[in-house]
């Protein structure tokens, strides 16, 4: 599923994608993927592609939140939770900082 999610995100040209391994920090999920879109339409399109790819792989999402406003869309795939956000929303909420407090390493950055 991991490769499916990353491919879907890359195919839609998402920006600044990061993965955070949260095993041992929460029992809710194993991996958080955070990425940005350039507009609300782009954010929604990225999230829609993740949902489509997951369904095609036989693992439909447990839930999808935020599609209407599309400033922050969360796609819950169980072991992976994907956050697709506008840059200003991402900066405001600072999920990377929240989930990496106390870590020795910064979250894995997947693109330039």
N, C-alpha and C. Protein backbone atom coordinates (compact mmCIF):
# COMPACT_ATOMS: atom_id res chain seq x y z
N UNK A 1 0.82 -1.19 0.00
CA UNK A 1 0.00 0.00 0.00
C UNK A 1 0.87 1.26 0.00
N UNK A 2 2.00 1.19 0.68
CA UNK A 2 2.89 2.35 0.76
C UNK A 2 3.28 2.83 -0.64
N UNK A 3 3.74 1.93 -1.48
CA UNK A 3 4.16 2.30 -2.84
C UNK A 3 2.98 2.86 -3.63
N UNK A 4 1.80 2.30 -3.45
CA UNK A 4 0.59 2.77 -4.13
C UNK A 4 0.29 4.22 -3.77
N UNK A 5 0.39 4.53 -2.48
CA UNK A 5 0.12 5.90 -2.01
C UNK A 5 1.15 6.87 -2.58
N UNK A 6 2.40 6.52 -2.48
CA UNK A 6 3.46 7.43 -2.96
C UNK A 6 3.35 7.64 -4.46
N UNK A 7 3.07 6.59 -5.21
CA UNK A 7 2.92 6.72 -6.65
C UNK A 7 1.75 7.65 -6.99
N UNK A 8 0.63 7.49 -6.30
CA UNK A 8 -0.54 8.35 -6.55
C UNK A 8 -0.20 9.81 -6.27
N UNK A 9 0.52 10.05 -5.20
CA UNK A 9 0.91 11.42 -4.83
C UNK A 9 1.86 12.00 -5.88
N UNK A 10 2.84 11.21 -6.28
CA UNK A 10 3.81 11.67 -7.27
C UNK A 10 3.16 11.91 -8.63
N UNK A 11 2.22 11.03 -9.01
CA UNK A 11 1.55 11.18 -10.30
C UNK A 11 0.81 12.51 -10.42
N UNK A 12 0.30 13.02 -9.31
CA UNK A 12 -0.46 14.28 -9.33
C UNK A 12 0.42 15.47 -8.99
N UNK A 13 1.72 15.27 -8.95
CA UNK A 13 2.69 16.36 -8.75
C UNK A 13 2.51 17.10 -7.42
N UNK A 14 2.24 16.33 -6.36
CA UNK A 14 2.17 16.92 -5.03
C UNK A 14 3.55 17.47 -4.66
N UNK A 15 3.57 18.37 -3.71
CA UNK A 15 4.82 19.04 -3.34
C UNK A 15 5.21 18.74 -1.90
N UNK A 16 6.51 18.72 -1.67
CA UNK A 16 7.07 18.62 -0.31
C UNK A 16 6.49 17.44 0.46
N UNK A 17 6.52 16.27 -0.12
CA UNK A 17 5.97 15.07 0.51
C UNK A 17 6.93 14.55 1.57
N UNK A 18 6.38 14.27 2.73
CA UNK A 18 7.17 13.72 3.84
C UNK A 18 6.46 12.53 4.46
N UNK A 19 7.25 11.59 4.91
CA UNK A 19 6.73 10.42 5.61
C UNK A 19 7.23 10.45 7.04
N UNK A 20 6.35 10.12 7.97
CA UNK A 20 6.73 10.06 9.37
C UNK A 20 6.29 8.70 9.92
N UNK A 21 7.24 7.92 10.36
CA UNK A 21 6.96 6.63 10.97
C UNK A 21 6.52 6.90 12.41
N UNK A 22 5.28 6.57 12.72
CA UNK A 22 4.75 6.86 14.06
C UNK A 22 4.51 5.58 14.88
N UNK A 23 5.07 4.47 14.42
CA UNK A 23 4.98 3.25 15.22
C UNK A 23 5.65 3.51 16.56
N UNK A 24 5.02 3.13 17.62
CA UNK A 24 5.57 3.38 18.95
C UNK A 24 5.13 4.71 19.53
N UNK A 25 4.54 5.58 18.70
CA UNK A 25 4.04 6.87 19.17
C UNK A 25 2.52 6.88 19.28
N UNK A 26 1.87 6.04 18.47
CA UNK A 26 0.42 5.94 18.47
C UNK A 26 0.02 4.55 18.01
N UNK A 27 -1.14 4.13 18.44
CA UNK A 27 -1.66 2.84 17.98
C UNK A 27 -2.64 3.03 16.83
N UNK A 28 -2.87 4.26 16.43
CA UNK A 28 -3.86 4.58 15.41
C UNK A 28 -3.37 4.22 14.01
N UNK A 29 -2.09 4.43 13.74
CA UNK A 29 -1.53 4.18 12.42
C UNK A 29 -0.04 3.93 12.55
N UNK A 30 0.57 3.45 11.47
CA UNK A 30 2.02 3.21 11.46
C UNK A 30 2.79 4.32 10.75
N UNK A 31 2.17 4.90 9.73
CA UNK A 31 2.87 5.86 8.89
C UNK A 31 1.96 7.03 8.57
N UNK A 32 2.50 8.22 8.70
CA UNK A 32 1.78 9.43 8.29
C UNK A 32 2.51 10.00 7.08
N UNK A 33 1.75 10.27 6.04
CA UNK A 33 2.30 10.91 4.85
C UNK A 33 1.66 12.29 4.77
N UNK A 34 2.50 13.31 4.67
CA UNK A 34 2.03 14.69 4.57
C UNK A 34 2.55 15.27 3.27
N UNK A 35 1.65 15.88 2.51
CA UNK A 35 2.04 16.46 1.23
C UNK A 35 1.22 17.71 0.98
N UNK A 36 1.64 18.52 0.02
CA UNK A 36 0.95 19.76 -0.28
C UNK A 36 0.50 19.84 -1.72
N UNK A 37 -0.62 20.53 -1.90
CA UNK A 37 -1.11 20.87 -3.22
C UNK A 37 -1.03 22.37 -3.40
N UNK A 38 -1.12 22.83 -4.63
CA UNK A 38 -0.93 24.25 -4.92
C UNK A 38 -2.23 25.05 -4.83
N UNK A 39 -3.37 24.37 -4.79
CA UNK A 39 -4.68 25.03 -4.72
C UNK A 39 -5.66 24.03 -4.11
N UNK A 40 -6.85 24.50 -3.76
CA UNK A 40 -7.84 23.57 -3.21
C UNK A 40 -8.20 22.50 -4.23
N UNK A 41 -8.27 22.87 -5.48
CA UNK A 41 -8.56 21.88 -6.53
C UNK A 41 -7.45 20.83 -6.61
N UNK A 42 -6.21 21.27 -6.51
CA UNK A 42 -5.07 20.35 -6.55
C UNK A 42 -5.08 19.43 -5.33
N UNK A 43 -5.35 20.00 -4.15
CA UNK A 43 -5.42 19.19 -2.92
C UNK A 43 -6.47 18.10 -3.08
N UNK A 44 -7.65 18.47 -3.54
CA UNK A 44 -8.73 17.50 -3.73
C UNK A 44 -8.36 16.45 -4.76
N UNK A 45 -7.73 16.86 -5.85
CA UNK A 45 -7.32 15.91 -6.89
C UNK A 45 -6.31 14.90 -6.37
N UNK A 46 -5.36 15.35 -5.58
CA UNK A 46 -4.35 14.45 -5.01
C UNK A 46 -5.04 13.43 -4.10
N UNK A 47 -5.90 13.93 -3.21
CA UNK A 47 -6.60 13.03 -2.30
C UNK A 47 -7.47 12.04 -3.07
N UNK A 48 -8.17 12.52 -4.08
CA UNK A 48 -9.00 11.64 -4.91
C UNK A 48 -8.17 10.55 -5.57
N UNK A 49 -6.98 10.90 -6.03
CA UNK A 49 -6.11 9.91 -6.67
C UNK A 49 -5.63 8.86 -5.67
N UNK A 50 -5.33 9.28 -4.44
CA UNK A 50 -4.94 8.33 -3.40
C UNK A 50 -6.10 7.37 -3.13
N UNK A 51 -7.31 7.90 -3.04
CA UNK A 51 -8.49 7.06 -2.80
C UNK A 51 -8.69 6.08 -3.96
N UNK A 52 -8.59 6.58 -5.19
CA UNK A 52 -8.76 5.73 -6.37
C UNK A 52 -7.73 4.60 -6.40
N UNK A 53 -6.48 4.96 -6.13
CA UNK A 53 -5.41 3.96 -6.16
C UNK A 53 -5.60 2.92 -5.06
N UNK A 54 -6.01 3.35 -3.88
CA UNK A 54 -6.24 2.42 -2.77
C UNK A 54 -7.37 1.45 -3.10
N UNK A 55 -8.46 1.98 -3.66
CA UNK A 55 -9.58 1.11 -4.05
C UNK A 55 -9.15 0.11 -5.11
N UNK A 56 -8.37 0.59 -6.08
CA UNK A 56 -7.89 -0.29 -7.14
C UNK A 56 -7.00 -1.41 -6.58
N UNK A 57 -6.26 -1.09 -5.52
CA UNK A 57 -5.39 -2.08 -4.87
C UNK A 57 -6.19 -3.00 -3.94
N UNK A 58 -7.49 -2.77 -3.84
CA UNK A 58 -8.33 -3.62 -3.01
C UNK A 58 -8.39 -3.23 -1.56
N UNK A 59 -7.92 -2.03 -1.24
CA UNK A 59 -7.92 -1.54 0.14
C UNK A 59 -8.57 -0.16 0.21
N UNK A 60 -9.89 -0.11 0.14
CA UNK A 60 -10.57 1.18 0.18
C UNK A 60 -10.32 1.91 1.50
N UNK A 61 -10.32 3.22 1.48
CA UNK A 61 -10.07 4.00 2.70
C UNK A 61 -11.12 3.72 3.78
N UNK A 62 -10.68 3.81 5.02
CA UNK A 62 -11.57 3.72 6.17
C UNK A 62 -12.42 4.99 6.23
N UNK A 63 -11.80 6.11 5.85
CA UNK A 63 -12.50 7.39 5.87
C UNK A 63 -11.73 8.45 5.12
N UNK A 64 -12.48 9.46 4.68
CA UNK A 64 -11.89 10.63 4.01
C UNK A 64 -12.59 11.85 4.60
N UNK A 65 -11.80 12.82 5.05
CA UNK A 65 -12.35 14.03 5.68
C UNK A 65 -11.79 15.27 5.01
N UNK A 66 -12.60 16.32 4.93
CA UNK A 66 -12.14 17.62 4.47
C UNK A 66 -12.27 17.88 2.99
N UNK A 67 -12.97 17.01 2.27
CA UNK A 67 -13.06 17.17 0.81
C UNK A 67 -13.81 18.43 0.39
N UNK A 68 -14.78 18.83 1.16
CA UNK A 68 -15.59 20.00 0.76
C UNK A 68 -14.73 21.27 0.68
N UNK A 69 -14.02 21.58 1.75
CA UNK A 69 -13.19 22.80 1.76
C UNK A 69 -11.88 22.59 1.02
N UNK A 70 -11.35 21.40 1.10
CA UNK A 70 -10.12 20.97 0.41
C UNK A 70 -8.90 21.83 0.73
N UNK A 71 -8.87 22.38 1.93
CA UNK A 71 -7.64 23.02 2.40
C UNK A 71 -6.76 21.99 3.09
N UNK A 72 -7.42 20.94 3.62
CA UNK A 72 -6.74 19.83 4.29
C UNK A 72 -7.64 18.62 4.13
N UNK A 73 -7.19 17.66 3.35
CA UNK A 73 -7.95 16.42 3.17
C UNK A 73 -7.15 15.30 3.81
N UNK A 74 -7.82 14.55 4.67
CA UNK A 74 -7.21 13.41 5.35
C UNK A 74 -7.79 12.14 4.74
N UNK A 75 -6.91 11.23 4.34
CA UNK A 75 -7.33 9.93 3.81
C UNK A 75 -6.78 8.87 4.77
N UNK A 76 -7.70 8.18 5.46
CA UNK A 76 -7.33 7.16 6.43
C UNK A 76 -7.34 5.79 5.76
N UNK A 77 -6.16 5.22 5.62
CA UNK A 77 -6.01 3.90 5.00
C UNK A 77 -5.63 2.85 6.04
N UNK A 78 -5.86 3.16 7.30
CA UNK A 78 -5.51 2.22 8.37
C UNK A 78 -4.06 2.35 8.77
N UNK A 79 -3.20 1.54 8.18
CA UNK A 79 -1.76 1.58 8.51
C UNK A 79 -1.08 2.85 8.02
N UNK A 80 -1.71 3.54 7.07
CA UNK A 80 -1.17 4.79 6.53
C UNK A 80 -2.27 5.84 6.58
N UNK A 81 -1.93 7.02 7.10
CA UNK A 81 -2.85 8.15 7.06
C UNK A 81 -2.18 9.24 6.21
N UNK A 82 -2.91 9.69 5.20
CA UNK A 82 -2.38 10.68 4.26
C UNK A 82 -3.04 12.02 4.53
N UNK A 83 -2.23 13.06 4.70
CA UNK A 83 -2.71 14.42 4.88
C UNK A 83 -2.30 15.21 3.64
N UNK A 84 -3.25 15.72 2.89
CA UNK A 84 -2.97 16.55 1.73
C UNK A 84 -3.45 17.96 2.10
N UNK A 85 -2.52 18.92 2.06
CA UNK A 85 -2.83 20.24 2.62
C UNK A 85 -2.34 21.36 1.71
N UNK A 86 -3.01 22.50 1.83
CA UNK A 86 -2.47 23.73 1.25
C UNK A 86 -1.25 24.13 2.08
N UNK A 87 -0.25 24.74 1.47
CA UNK A 87 0.95 25.11 2.23
C UNK A 87 0.66 25.96 3.46
N UNK A 88 -0.23 26.93 3.37
CA UNK A 88 -0.51 27.80 4.52
C UNK A 88 -1.18 27.01 5.65
N UNK A 89 -2.03 26.07 5.31
CA UNK A 89 -2.69 25.22 6.31
C UNK A 89 -1.67 24.30 6.96
N UNK A 90 -0.81 23.77 6.15
CA UNK A 90 0.24 22.87 6.64
C UNK A 90 1.16 23.59 7.61
N UNK A 91 1.54 24.79 7.26
CA UNK A 91 2.42 25.59 8.13
C UNK A 91 1.71 25.91 9.45
N UNK A 92 0.45 26.28 9.37
CA UNK A 92 -0.31 26.68 10.56
C UNK A 92 -0.40 25.52 11.56
N UNK A 93 -0.73 24.32 11.09
CA UNK A 93 -0.93 23.19 12.00
C UNK A 93 0.36 22.47 12.38
N UNK A 94 1.37 22.53 11.56
CA UNK A 94 2.69 22.00 11.89
C UNK A 94 2.70 20.52 12.29
N UNK A 95 2.05 19.68 11.50
CA UNK A 95 2.00 18.26 11.83
C UNK A 95 3.38 17.62 11.89
N UNK A 96 4.28 18.03 11.02
CA UNK A 96 5.63 17.47 11.06
C UNK A 96 6.27 17.71 12.41
N UNK A 97 6.15 18.92 12.92
CA UNK A 97 6.74 19.24 14.23
C UNK A 97 6.05 18.44 15.33
N UNK A 98 4.74 18.33 15.26
CA UNK A 98 3.98 17.61 16.27
C UNK A 98 4.42 16.16 16.38
N UNK A 99 4.56 15.49 15.25
CA UNK A 99 4.86 14.05 15.25
C UNK A 99 6.34 13.73 15.36
N UNK A 100 7.21 14.73 15.25
CA UNK A 100 8.65 14.44 15.32
C UNK A 100 9.33 15.04 16.55
N UNK A 101 8.56 15.60 17.48
CA UNK A 101 9.13 16.17 18.70
C UNK A 101 9.93 15.08 19.41
N UNK A 102 11.19 15.38 19.70
CA UNK A 102 12.04 14.44 20.40
C UNK A 102 12.76 13.44 19.52
N UNK A 103 12.43 13.42 18.23
CA UNK A 103 13.13 12.52 17.32
C UNK A 103 14.52 13.04 17.04
N UNK A 104 15.45 12.12 16.78
CA UNK A 104 16.80 12.51 16.43
C UNK A 104 16.89 12.98 14.99
N UNK A 105 16.01 12.43 14.13
CA UNK A 105 16.05 12.75 12.71
C UNK A 105 14.83 13.55 12.31
N UNK A 106 14.97 14.28 11.23
CA UNK A 106 13.85 15.00 10.66
C UNK A 106 13.01 14.01 9.83
N UNK A 107 11.75 14.33 9.58
CA UNK A 107 10.93 13.44 8.76
C UNK A 107 11.54 13.25 7.37
N UNK A 108 11.36 12.08 6.81
CA UNK A 108 11.91 11.78 5.49
C UNK A 108 11.27 12.67 4.45
N UNK A 109 12.08 13.37 3.69
CA UNK A 109 11.58 14.22 2.62
C UNK A 109 11.72 13.45 1.32
N UNK A 110 10.62 13.38 0.56
CA UNK A 110 10.62 12.55 -0.63
C UNK A 110 10.91 13.30 -1.91
N UNK A 111 10.75 14.61 -1.91
CA UNK A 111 11.03 15.36 -3.14
C UNK A 111 11.67 16.69 -2.79
N UNK A 112 12.11 17.40 -3.82
CA UNK A 112 12.79 18.67 -3.65
C UNK A 112 11.88 19.74 -3.40
